[in-house]
PDB file of all heavy atoms in Angstrom:
ATOM      1  N   THR A   1       1.194  15.811  -8.896  1.00  0.00           N
ATOM      2  CA  THR A   1       0.036  16.549  -8.415  1.00  0.00           C
ATOM      3  C   THR A   1       0.042  16.666  -6.897  1.00  0.00           C
ATOM      4  O   THR A   1       0.701  15.879  -6.207  1.00  0.00           O
ATOM      5  CB  THR A   1      -1.262  15.839  -8.877  1.00  0.00           C
ATOM      6  OG1 THR A   1      -2.391  16.605  -8.486  1.00  0.00           O
ATOM      7  CG2 THR A   1      -1.378  14.437  -8.280  1.00  0.00           C
ATOM      8  N   ASP A   2      -0.707  17.651  -6.397  1.00  0.00           N
ATOM      9  CA  ASP A   2      -0.984  17.715  -4.958  1.00  0.00           C
ATOM     10  C   ASP A   2      -2.476  17.483  -4.711  1.00  0.00           C
ATOM     11  O   ASP A   2      -2.977  17.672  -3.609  1.00  0.00           O
ATOM     12  CB  ASP A   2      -0.531  19.050  -4.357  1.00  0.00           C
ATOM     13  CG  ASP A   2      -1.195  20.249  -5.034  1.00  0.00           C
ATOM     14  OD1 ASP A   2      -2.080  20.049  -5.890  1.00  0.00           O
ATOM     15  OD2 ASP A   2      -0.818  21.387  -4.695  1.00  0.00           O
ATOM     16  N   SER A   3      -3.169  17.057  -5.772  1.00  0.00           N
ATOM     17  CA  SER A   3      -4.609  16.803  -5.685  1.00  0.00           C
ATOM     18  C   SER A   3      -4.866  15.305  -5.522  1.00  0.00           C
ATOM     19  O   SER A   3      -4.491  14.499  -6.392  1.00  0.00           O
ATOM     20  CB  SER A   3      -5.314  17.304  -6.948  1.00  0.00           C
ATOM     21  OG  SER A   3      -6.580  16.692  -7.092  1.00  0.00           O
ATOM     22  N   ILE A   4      -5.504  14.938  -4.442  1.00  0.00           N
ATOM     23  CA  ILE A   4      -5.779  13.523  -4.194  1.00  0.00           C
ATOM     24  C   ILE A   4      -6.749  12.967  -5.236  1.00  0.00           C
ATOM     25  O   ILE A   4      -6.618  11.824  -5.679  1.00  0.00           O
ATOM     26  CB  ILE A   4      -6.303  13.323  -2.746  1.00  0.00           C
ATOM     27  CG1 ILE A   4      -6.213  11.845  -2.350  1.00  0.00           C
ATOM     28  CG2 ILE A   4      -7.720  13.834  -2.559  1.00  0.00           C
ATOM     29  CD1 ILE A   4      -6.316  11.610  -0.857  1.00  0.00           C
ATOM     30  N   GLU A   5      -7.708  13.805  -5.690  1.00  0.00           N
ATOM     31  CA  GLU A   5      -8.667  13.342  -6.704  1.00  0.00           C
ATOM     32  C   GLU A   5      -7.955  13.020  -8.015  1.00  0.00           C
ATOM     33  O   GLU A   5      -8.194  11.978  -8.635  1.00  0.00           O
ATOM     34  CB  GLU A   5      -9.756  14.401  -6.957  1.00  0.00           C
ATOM     35  CG  GLU A   5     -10.703  14.607  -5.797  1.00  0.00           C
ATOM     36  CD  GLU A   5     -10.198  15.662  -4.809  1.00  0.00           C
ATOM     37  OE1 GLU A   5      -9.137  16.273  -5.095  1.00  0.00           O
ATOM     38  OE2 GLU A   5     -10.835  15.839  -3.769  1.00  0.00           O
ATOM     39  N   ASP A   6      -7.068  13.946  -8.453  1.00  0.00           N
ATOM     40  CA  ASP A   6      -6.352  13.727  -9.714  1.00  0.00           C
ATOM     41  C   ASP A   6      -5.441  12.502  -9.618  1.00  0.00           C
ATOM     42  O   ASP A   6      -5.324  11.719 -10.569  1.00  0.00           O
ATOM     43  CB  ASP A   6      -5.521  14.964 -10.080  1.00  0.00           C
ATOM     44  CG  ASP A   6      -6.397  16.145 -10.479  1.00  0.00           C
ATOM     45  OD1 ASP A   6      -7.618  15.940 -10.661  1.00  0.00           O
ATOM     46  OD2 ASP A   6      -5.868  17.264 -10.587  1.00  0.00           O
ATOM     47  N   ALA A   7      -4.790  12.348  -8.461  1.00  0.00           N
ATOM     48  CA  ALA A   7      -3.898  11.207  -8.274  1.00  0.00           C
ATOM     49  C   ALA A   7      -4.678   9.896  -8.324  1.00  0.00           C
ATOM     50  O   ALA A   7      -4.257   8.926  -8.973  1.00  0.00           O
ATOM     51  CB  ALA A   7      -3.152  11.343  -6.945  1.00  0.00           C
ATOM     52  N   PHE A   8      -5.832   9.876  -7.652  1.00  0.00           N
ATOM     53  CA  PHE A   8      -6.665   8.665  -7.664  1.00  0.00           C
ATOM     54  C   PHE A   8      -7.159   8.351  -9.068  1.00  0.00           C
ATOM     55  O   PHE A   8      -7.181   7.199  -9.506  1.00  0.00           O
ATOM     56  CB  PHE A   8      -7.870   8.831  -6.718  1.00  0.00           C
ATOM     57  CG  PHE A   8      -7.547   8.620  -5.260  1.00  0.00           C
ATOM     58  CD1 PHE A   8      -6.233   8.516  -4.814  1.00  0.00           C
ATOM     59  CD2 PHE A   8      -8.567   8.513  -4.324  1.00  0.00           C
ATOM     60  CE1 PHE A   8      -5.945   8.309  -3.468  1.00  0.00           C
ATOM     61  CE2 PHE A   8      -8.290   8.302  -2.975  1.00  0.00           C
ATOM     62  CZ  PHE A   8      -6.972   8.200  -2.544  1.00  0.00           C
ATOM     63  N   LYS A   9      -7.562   9.404  -9.792  1.00  0.00           N
ATOM     64  CA  LYS A   9      -8.101   9.219 -11.144  1.00  0.00           C
ATOM     65  C   LYS A   9      -7.036   8.598 -12.057  1.00  0.00           C
ATOM     66  O   LYS A   9      -7.312   7.667 -12.820  1.00  0.00           O
ATOM     67  CB  LYS A   9      -8.555  10.587 -11.697  1.00  0.00           C
ATOM     68  CG  LYS A   9      -9.601  10.501 -12.790  1.00  0.00           C
ATOM     69  CD  LYS A   9     -10.041  11.882 -13.255  1.00  0.00           C
ATOM     70  CE  LYS A   9     -10.850  12.613 -12.172  1.00  0.00           C
ATOM     71  NZ  LYS A   9     -11.297  13.949 -12.643  1.00  0.00           N
ATOM     72  N   PHE A  10      -5.799   9.116 -11.957  1.00  0.00           N
ATOM     73  CA  PHE A  10      -4.713   8.594 -12.788  1.00  0.00           C
ATOM     74  C   PHE A  10      -4.376   7.158 -12.370  1.00  0.00           C
ATOM     75  O   PHE A  10      -4.119   6.292 -13.224  1.00  0.00           O
ATOM     76  CB  PHE A  10      -3.474   9.481 -12.670  1.00  0.00           C
ATOM     77  CG  PHE A  10      -2.345   9.073 -13.586  1.00  0.00           C
ATOM     78  CD1 PHE A  10      -2.430   9.241 -14.949  1.00  0.00           C
ATOM     79  CD2 PHE A  10      -1.190   8.500 -13.067  1.00  0.00           C
ATOM     80  CE1 PHE A  10      -1.395   8.862 -15.799  1.00  0.00           C
ATOM     81  CE2 PHE A  10      -0.143   8.111 -13.894  1.00  0.00           C
ATOM     82  CZ  PHE A  10      -0.253   8.296 -15.263  1.00  0.00           C
ATOM     83  N   THR A  11      -4.400   6.912 -11.063  1.00  0.00           N
ATOM     84  CA  THR A  11      -4.127   5.564 -10.541  1.00  0.00           C
ATOM     85  C   THR A  11      -5.067   4.542 -11.166  1.00  0.00           C
ATOM     86  O   THR A  11      -4.654   3.428 -11.526  1.00  0.00           O
ATOM     87  CB  THR A  11      -4.269   5.559  -9.003  1.00  0.00           C
ATOM     88  OG1 THR A  11      -3.304   6.456  -8.451  1.00  0.00           O
ATOM     89  CG2 THR A  11      -4.061   4.174  -8.417  1.00  0.00           C
ATOM     90  N   ASP A  12      -6.326   4.919 -11.325  1.00  0.00           N
ATOM     91  CA  ASP A  12      -7.320   3.986 -11.873  1.00  0.00           C
ATOM     92  C   ASP A  12      -7.068   3.646 -13.339  1.00  0.00           C
ATOM     93  O   ASP A  12      -7.592   2.645 -13.838  1.00  0.00           O
ATOM     94  CB  ASP A  12      -8.731   4.575 -11.708  1.00  0.00           C
ATOM     95  CG  ASP A  12      -9.209   4.532 -10.261  1.00  0.00           C
ATOM     96  OD1 ASP A  12      -8.738   3.657  -9.506  1.00  0.00           O
ATOM     97  OD2 ASP A  12     -10.027   5.395  -9.878  1.00  0.00           O
ATOM     98  N   THR A  13      -6.256   4.459 -14.037  1.00  0.00           N
ATOM     99  CA  THR A  13      -5.948   4.183 -15.446  1.00  0.00           C
ATOM    100  C   THR A  13      -4.771   3.217 -15.592  1.00  0.00           C
ATOM    101  O   THR A  13      -4.501   2.742 -16.690  1.00  0.00           O
ATOM    102  CB  THR A  13      -5.610   5.479 -16.219  1.00  0.00           C
ATOM    103  OG1 THR A  13      -4.338   5.979 -15.755  1.00  0.00           O
ATOM    104  CG2 THR A  13      -6.678   6.532 -16.031  1.00  0.00           C
ATOM    105  N   LEU A  14      -4.048   2.955 -14.492  1.00  0.00           N
ATOM    106  CA  LEU A  14      -2.836   2.145 -14.564  1.00  0.00           C
ATOM    107  C   LEU A  14      -3.125   0.701 -14.167  1.00  0.00           C
ATOM    108  O   LEU A  14      -4.014   0.427 -13.368  1.00  0.00           O
ATOM    109  CB  LEU A  14      -1.760   2.704 -13.622  1.00  0.00           C
ATOM    110  CG  LEU A  14      -1.276   4.134 -13.891  1.00  0.00           C
ATOM    111  CD1 LEU A  14      -0.315   4.574 -12.799  1.00  0.00           C
ATOM    112  CD2 LEU A  14      -0.591   4.231 -15.259  1.00  0.00           C
ATOM    113  N   SER A  15      -2.350  -0.211 -14.736  1.00  0.00           N
ATOM    114  CA  SER A  15      -2.399  -1.590 -14.242  1.00  0.00           C
ATOM    115  C   SER A  15      -1.378  -1.727 -13.109  1.00  0.00           C
ATOM    116  O   SER A  15      -0.439  -0.934 -13.015  1.00  0.00           O
ATOM    117  CB  SER A  15      -2.090  -2.576 -15.374  1.00  0.00           C
ATOM    118  OG  SER A  15      -0.865  -2.245 -15.992  1.00  0.00           O
ATOM    119  N   THR A  16      -1.586  -2.696 -12.240  1.00  0.00           N
ATOM    120  CA  THR A  16      -0.693  -2.873 -11.091  1.00  0.00           C
ATOM    121  C   THR A  16       0.537  -3.700 -11.493  1.00  0.00           C
ATOM    122  O   THR A  16       0.470  -4.462 -12.457  1.00  0.00           O
ATOM    123  CB  THR A  16      -1.434  -3.586  -9.946  1.00  0.00           C
ATOM    124  OG1 THR A  16      -1.940  -4.823 -10.430  1.00  0.00           O
ATOM    125  CG2 THR A  16      -2.539  -2.723  -9.400  1.00  0.00           C
ATOM    126  N   PRO A  17       1.658  -3.556 -10.752  1.00  0.00           N
ATOM    127  CA  PRO A  17       1.872  -2.647  -9.631  1.00  0.00           C
ATOM    128  C   PRO A  17       1.938  -1.190 -10.081  1.00  0.00           C
ATOM    129  O   PRO A  17       2.092  -0.903 -11.276  1.00  0.00           O
ATOM    130  CB  PRO A  17       3.201  -3.112  -9.035  1.00  0.00           C
ATOM    131  CG  PRO A  17       3.801  -4.082  -9.985  1.00  0.00           C
ATOM    132  CD  PRO A  17       2.826  -4.426 -11.024  1.00  0.00           C
ATOM    133  N   ILE A  18       1.851  -0.265  -9.096  1.00  0.00           N
ATOM    134  CA  ILE A  18       1.845   1.178  -9.358  1.00  0.00           C
ATOM    135  C   ILE A  18       2.908   1.835  -8.479  1.00  0.00           C
ATOM    136  O   ILE A  18       3.048   1.489  -7.296  1.00  0.00           O
ATOM    137  CB  ILE A  18       0.451   1.769  -9.055  1.00  0.00           C
ATOM    138  CG1 ILE A  18      -0.590   1.191 -10.026  1.00  0.00           C
ATOM    139  CG2 ILE A  18       0.467   3.300  -9.119  1.00  0.00           C
ATOM    140  CD1 ILE A  18      -2.020   1.380  -9.569  1.00  0.00           C
ATOM    141  N   VAL A  19       3.642   2.758  -9.054  1.00  0.00           N
ATOM    142  CA  VAL A  19       4.719   3.432  -8.322  1.00  0.00           C
ATOM    143  C   VAL A  19       4.218   4.777  -7.797  1.00  0.00           C
ATOM    144  O   VAL A  19       3.665   5.579  -8.562  1.00  0.00           O
ATOM    145  CB  VAL A  19       5.947   3.639  -9.232  1.00  0.00           C
ATOM    146  CG1 VAL A  19       7.088   4.282  -8.458  1.00  0.00           C
ATOM    147  CG2 VAL A  19       6.396   2.308  -9.833  1.00  0.00           C
ATOM    148  N   VAL A  20       4.424   5.024  -6.505  1.00  0.00           N
ATOM    149  CA  VAL A  20       4.050   6.297  -5.877  1.00  0.00           C
ATOM    150  C   VAL A  20       5.308   6.885  -5.241  1.00  0.00           C
ATOM    151  O   VAL A  20       5.990   6.202  -4.467  1.00  0.00           O
ATOM    152  CB  VAL A  20       2.956   6.108  -4.805  1.00  0.00           C
ATOM    153  CG1 VAL A  20       2.527   7.468  -4.237  1.00  0.00           C
ATOM    154  CG2 VAL A  20       1.751   5.370  -5.383  1.00  0.00           C
ATOM    155  N   LYS A  21       5.627   8.151  -5.577  1.00  0.00           N
ATOM    156  CA  LYS A  21       6.854   8.778  -5.083  1.00  0.00           C
ATOM    157  C   LYS A  21       6.531  10.100  -4.394  1.00  0.00           C
ATOM    158  O   LYS A  21       5.750  10.903  -4.912  1.00  0.00           O
ATOM    159  CB  LYS A  21       7.822   9.070  -6.241  1.00  0.00           C
ATOM    160  CG  LYS A  21       8.283   7.845  -7.005  1.00  0.00           C
ATOM    161  CD  LYS A  21       9.193   8.254  -8.159  1.00  0.00           C
ATOM    162  CE  LYS A  21       9.696   7.045  -8.930  1.00  0.00           C
ATOM    163  NZ  LYS A  21      10.562   7.423 -10.068  1.00  0.00           N
ATOM    164  N   ALA A  22       7.181  10.322  -3.251  1.00  0.00           N
ATOM    165  CA  ALA A  22       7.125  11.637  -2.612  1.00  0.00           C
ATOM    166  C   ALA A  22       8.019  12.590  -3.396  1.00  0.00           C
ATOM    167  O   ALA A  22       9.050  12.189  -3.949  1.00  0.00           O
ATOM    168  CB  ALA A  22       7.591  11.532  -1.167  1.00  0.00           C
ATOM    169  N   ASP A  23       7.648  13.860  -3.441  1.00  0.00           N
ATOM    170  CA  ASP A  23       8.375  14.842  -4.251  1.00  0.00           C
ATOM    171  C   ASP A  23       9.774  15.119  -3.715  1.00  0.00           C
ATOM    172  O   ASP A  23      10.743  15.188  -4.454  1.00  0.00           O
ATOM    173  CB  ASP A  23       7.563  16.150  -4.301  1.00  0.00           C
ATOM    174  CG  ASP A  23       8.290  17.262  -5.035  1.00  0.00           C
ATOM    175  OD1 ASP A  23       8.962  16.965  -6.045  1.00  0.00           O
ATOM    176  OD2 ASP A  23       8.211  18.422  -4.602  1.00  0.00           O
ATOM    177  N   GLY A  24       9.915  15.297  -2.403  1.00  0.00           N
ATOM    178  CA  GLY A  24      11.169  15.784  -1.828  1.00  0.00           C
ATOM    179  C   GLY A  24      12.122  14.686  -1.399  1.00  0.00           C
ATOM    180  O   GLY A  24      11.959  13.513  -1.729  1.00  0.00           O
ATOM    181  N   LEU A  25      13.150  15.082  -0.622  1.00  0.00           N
ATOM    182  CA  LEU A  25      14.168  14.146  -0.162  1.00  0.00           C
ATOM    183  C   LEU A  25      13.633  13.283   0.978  1.00  0.00           C
ATOM    184  O   LEU A  25      13.101  13.797   1.948  1.00  0.00           O
ATOM    185  CB  LEU A  25      15.403  14.912   0.342  1.00  0.00           C
ATOM    186  CG  LEU A  25      16.167  15.745  -0.690  1.00  0.00           C
ATOM    187  CD1 LEU A  25      17.356  16.414  -0.029  1.00  0.00           C
ATOM    188  CD2 LEU A  25      16.626  14.898  -1.866  1.00  0.00           C
ATOM    189  N   CYS A  26      13.818  11.976   0.842  1.00  0.00           N
ATOM    190  CA  CYS A  26      13.323  11.040   1.868  1.00  0.00           C
ATOM    191  C   CYS A  26      14.380  10.006   2.219  1.00  0.00           C
ATOM    192  O   CYS A  26      14.059   8.891   2.629  1.00  0.00           O
ATOM    193  CB  CYS A  26      12.065  10.325   1.384  1.00  0.00           C
ATOM    194  SG  CYS A  26      10.722  11.423   0.931  1.00  0.00           S
ATOM    195  N   GLY A  27      15.645  10.358   2.019  1.00  0.00           N
ATOM    196  CA  GLY A  27      16.713   9.432   2.381  1.00  0.00           C
ATOM    197  C   GLY A  27      16.662   8.122   1.626  1.00  0.00           C
ATOM    198  O   GLY A  27      17.012   7.070   2.145  1.00  0.00           O
ATOM    199  N   GLY A  28      16.225   8.162   0.371  1.00  0.00           N
ATOM    200  CA  GLY A  28      16.178   6.955  -0.447  1.00  0.00           C
ATOM    201  C   GLY A  28      14.989   6.052  -0.165  1.00  0.00           C
ATOM    202  O   GLY A  28      14.928   4.935  -0.668  1.00  0.00           O
ATOM    203  N   LYS A  29      14.033   6.534   0.644  1.00  0.00           N
ATOM    204  CA  LYS A  29      12.916   5.660   1.033  1.00  0.00           C
ATOM    205  C   LYS A  29      11.553   6.185   0.564  1.00  0.00           C
ATOM    206  O   LYS A  29      10.524   5.664   0.964  1.00  0.00           O
ATOM    207  CB  LYS A  29      12.899   5.480   2.554  1.00  0.00           C
ATOM    208  CG  LYS A  29      14.180   4.870   3.123  1.00  0.00           C
ATOM    209  CD  LYS A  29      14.070   4.639   4.611  1.00  0.00           C
ATOM    210  CE  LYS A  29      15.385   4.185   5.209  1.00  0.00           C
ATOM    211  NZ  LYS A  29      16.353   5.262   5.328  1.00  0.00           N
ATOM    212  N   GLY A  30      11.530   7.246  -0.270  1.00  0.00           N
ATOM    213  CA  GLY A  30      10.267   7.885  -0.622  1.00  0.00           C
ATOM    214  C   GLY A  30       9.570   7.307  -1.829  1.00  0.00           C
ATOM    215  O   GLY A  30       8.803   8.001  -2.500  1.00  0.00           O
ATOM    216  N   VAL A  31       9.843   6.037  -2.137  1.00  0.00           N
ATOM    217  CA  VAL A  31       9.212   5.384  -3.292  1.00  0.00           C
ATOM    218  C   VAL A  31       8.461   4.151  -2.810  1.00  0.00           C
ATOM    219  O   VAL A  31       9.026   3.284  -2.144  1.00  0.00           O
ATOM    220  CB  VAL A  31      10.262   4.971  -4.348  1.00  0.00           C
ATOM    221  CG1 VAL A  31       9.582   4.269  -5.520  1.00  0.00           C
ATOM    222  CG2 VAL A  31      11.039   6.191  -4.837  1.00  0.00           C
ATOM    223  N   ILE A  32       7.178   4.088  -3.114  1.00  0.00           N
ATOM    224  CA  ILE A  32       6.349   2.940  -2.753  1.00  0.00           C
ATOM    225  C   ILE A  32       5.932   2.224  -4.036  1.00  0.00           C
ATOM    226  O   ILE A  32       5.434   2.854  -4.967  1.00  0.00           O
ATOM    227  CB  ILE A  32       5.063   3.392  -2.000  1.00  0.00           C
ATOM    228  CG1 ILE A  32       5.408   4.276  -0.801  1.00  0.00           C
ATOM    229  CG2 ILE A  32       4.218   2.185  -1.607  1.00  0.00           C
ATOM    230  CD1 ILE A  32       6.109   3.599   0.321  1.00  0.00           C
ATOM    231  N   ILE A  33       6.151   0.914  -4.081  1.00  0.00           N
ATOM    232  CA  ILE A  33       5.655   0.116  -5.213  1.00  0.00           C
ATOM    233  C   ILE A  33       4.428  -0.633  -4.710  1.00  0.00           C
ATOM    234  O   ILE A  33       4.533  -1.620  -3.963  1.00  0.00           O
ATOM    235  CB  ILE A  33       6.735  -0.835  -5.747  1.00  0.00           C
ATOM    236  CG1 ILE A  33       7.932  -0.015  -6.259  1.00  0.00           C
ATOM    237  CG2 ILE A  33       6.175  -1.700  -6.874  1.00  0.00           C
ATOM    238  CD1 ILE A  33       9.122  -0.836  -6.676  1.00  0.00           C
ATOM    239  N   ALA A  34       3.261  -0.101  -5.071  1.00  0.00           N
ATOM    240  CA  ALA A  34       1.988  -0.641  -4.568  1.00  0.00           C
ATOM    241  C   ALA A  34       1.537  -1.802  -5.437  1.00  0.00           C
ATOM    242  O   ALA A  34       1.537  -1.708  -6.671  1.00  0.00           O
ATOM    243  CB  ALA A  34       0.938   0.456  -4.555  1.00  0.00           C
ATOM    244  N   GLN A  35       1.127  -2.871  -4.789  1.00  0.00           N
ATOM    245  CA  GLN A  35       0.718  -4.075  -5.521  1.00  0.00           C
ATOM    246  C   GLN A  35      -0.751  -4.045  -5.947  1.00  0.00           C
ATOM    247  O   GLN A  35      -1.166  -4.811  -6.811  1.00  0.00           O
ATOM    248  CB  GLN A  35       0.988  -5.317  -4.667  1.00  0.00           C
ATOM    249  CG  GLN A  35       2.458  -5.509  -4.302  1.00  0.00           C
ATOM    250  CD  GLN A  35       3.374  -5.570  -5.511  1.00  0.00           C
ATOM    251  OE1 GLN A  35       3.063  -6.221  -6.513  1.00  0.00           O
ATOM    252  NE2 GLN A  35       4.505  -4.864  -5.441  1.00  0.00           N
ATOM    253  N   THR A  36      -1.549  -3.159  -5.315  1.00  0.00           N
ATOM    254  CA  THR A  36      -2.967  -3.047  -5.666  1.00  0.00           C
ATOM    255  C   THR A  36      -3.335  -1.563  -5.799  1.00  0.00           C
ATOM    256  O   THR A  36      -2.610  -0.684  -5.307  1.00  0.00           O
ATOM    257  CB  THR A  36      -3.863  -3.665  -4.577  1.00  0.00           C
ATOM    258  OG1 THR A  36      -3.724  -2.880  -3.375  1.00  0.00           O
ATOM    259  CG2 THR A  36      -3.468  -5.101  -4.280  1.00  0.00           C
ATOM    260  N   HIS A  37      -4.452  -1.294  -6.418  1.00  0.00           N
ATOM    261  CA  HIS A  37      -4.927   0.084  -6.525  1.00  0.00           C
ATOM    262  C   HIS A  37      -5.211   0.675  -5.143  1.00  0.00           C
ATOM    263  O   HIS A  37      -4.909   1.842  -4.884  1.00  0.00           O
ATOM    264  CB  HIS A  37      -6.181   0.152  -7.421  1.00  0.00           C
ATOM    265  CG  HIS A  37      -5.882  -0.064  -8.879  1.00  0.00           C
ATOM    266  ND1 HIS A  37      -5.842  -1.309  -9.438  1.00  0.00           N
ATOM    267  CD2 HIS A  37      -5.606   0.822  -9.871  1.00  0.00           C
ATOM    268  CE1 HIS A  37      -5.537  -1.195 -10.728  1.00  0.00           C
ATOM    269  NE2 HIS A  37      -5.402   0.086 -11.019  1.00  0.00           N
ATOM    270  N   ASP A  38      -5.776  -0.145  -4.271  1.00  0.00           N
ATOM    271  CA  ASP A  38      -6.077   0.343  -2.915  1.00  0.00           C
ATOM    272  C   ASP A  38      -4.795   0.707  -2.164  1.00  0.00           C
ATOM    273  O   ASP A  38      -4.737   1.724  -1.474  1.00  0.00           O
ATOM    274  CB  ASP A  38      -6.854  -0.715  -2.128  1.00  0.00           C
ATOM    275  CG  ASP A  38      -8.308  -0.821  -2.576  1.00  0.00           C
ATOM    276  OD1 ASP A  38      -8.759   0.102  -3.294  1.00  0.00           O
ATOM    277  OD2 ASP A  38      -8.976  -1.812  -2.229  1.00  0.00           O
ATOM    278  N   GLU A  39      -3.782  -0.131  -2.309  1.00  0.00           N
ATOM    279  CA  GLU A  39      -2.508   0.140  -1.639  1.00  0.00           C
ATOM    280  C   GLU A  39      -1.897   1.439  -2.169  1.00  0.00           C
ATOM    281  O   GLU A  39      -1.353   2.251  -1.402  1.00  0.00           O
ATOM    282  CB  GLU A  39      -1.553  -1.034  -1.873  1.00  0.00           C
ATOM    283  CG  GLU A  39      -0.317  -1.030  -0.987  1.00  0.00           C
ATOM    284  CD  GLU A  39       0.636  -2.181  -1.323  1.00  0.00           C
ATOM    285  OE1 GLU A  39       0.157  -3.261  -1.733  1.00  0.00           O
ATOM    286  OE2 GLU A  39       1.848  -1.977  -1.184  1.00  0.00           O
ATOM    287  N   ALA A  40      -2.005   1.663  -3.485  1.00  0.00           N
ATOM    288  CA  ALA A  40      -1.486   2.902  -4.080  1.00  0.00           C
ATOM    289  C   ALA A  40      -2.230   4.109  -3.512  1.00  0.00           C
ATOM    290  O   ALA A  40      -1.616   5.142  -3.198  1.00  0.00           O
ATOM    291  CB  ALA A  40      -1.638   2.855  -5.600  1.00  0.00           C
ATOM    292  N   LYS A  41      -3.540   3.984  -3.358  1.00  0.00           N
ATOM    293  CA  LYS A  41      -4.340   5.115  -2.862  1.00  0.00           C
ATOM    294  C   LYS A  41      -4.040   5.414  -1.391  1.00  0.00           C
ATOM    295  O   LYS A  41      -4.023   6.583  -0.983  1.00  0.00           O
ATOM    296  CB  LYS A  41      -5.825   4.827  -3.081  1.00  0.00           C
ATOM    297  CG  LYS A  41      -6.203   4.913  -4.563  1.00  0.00           C
ATOM    298  CD  LYS A  41      -7.643   4.499  -4.843  1.00  0.00           C
ATOM    299  CE  LYS A  41      -7.943   4.606  -6.337  1.00  0.00           C
ATOM    300  NZ  LYS A  41      -9.305   4.165  -6.680  1.00  0.00           N
ATOM    301  N   VAL A  42      -3.768   4.373  -0.615  1.00  0.00           N
ATOM    302  CA  VAL A  42      -3.364   4.591   0.780  1.00  0.00           C
ATOM    303  C   VAL A  42      -2.029   5.342   0.814  1.00  0.00           C
ATOM    304  O   VAL A  42      -1.855   6.307   1.580  1.00  0.00           O
ATOM    305  CB  VAL A  42      -3.250   3.249   1.545  1.00  0.00           C
ATOM    306  CG1 VAL A  42      -2.566   3.449   2.901  1.00  0.00           C
ATOM    307  CG2 VAL A  42      -4.627   2.623   1.738  1.00  0.00           C
ATOM    308  N   ALA A  43      -1.074   4.927  -0.019  1.00  0.00           N
ATOM    309  CA  ALA A  43       0.238   5.589  -0.070  1.00  0.00           C
ATOM    310  C   ALA A  43       0.090   7.051  -0.480  1.00  0.00           C
ATOM    311  O   ALA A  43       0.705   7.956   0.121  1.00  0.00           O
ATOM    312  CB  ALA A  43       1.159   4.858  -1.042  1.00  0.00           C
TER     313      ALA A  43
END
């Protein structure tokens, strides 16, 4: 999604940790493994 509301809503349905990925090329660094819901939402 490109919608922050939809992303947050889906995040709240998951148990932690939560994986957040950027869509495009990031040199192997575009994946964040968030340990909390808040950390996922910041990412």
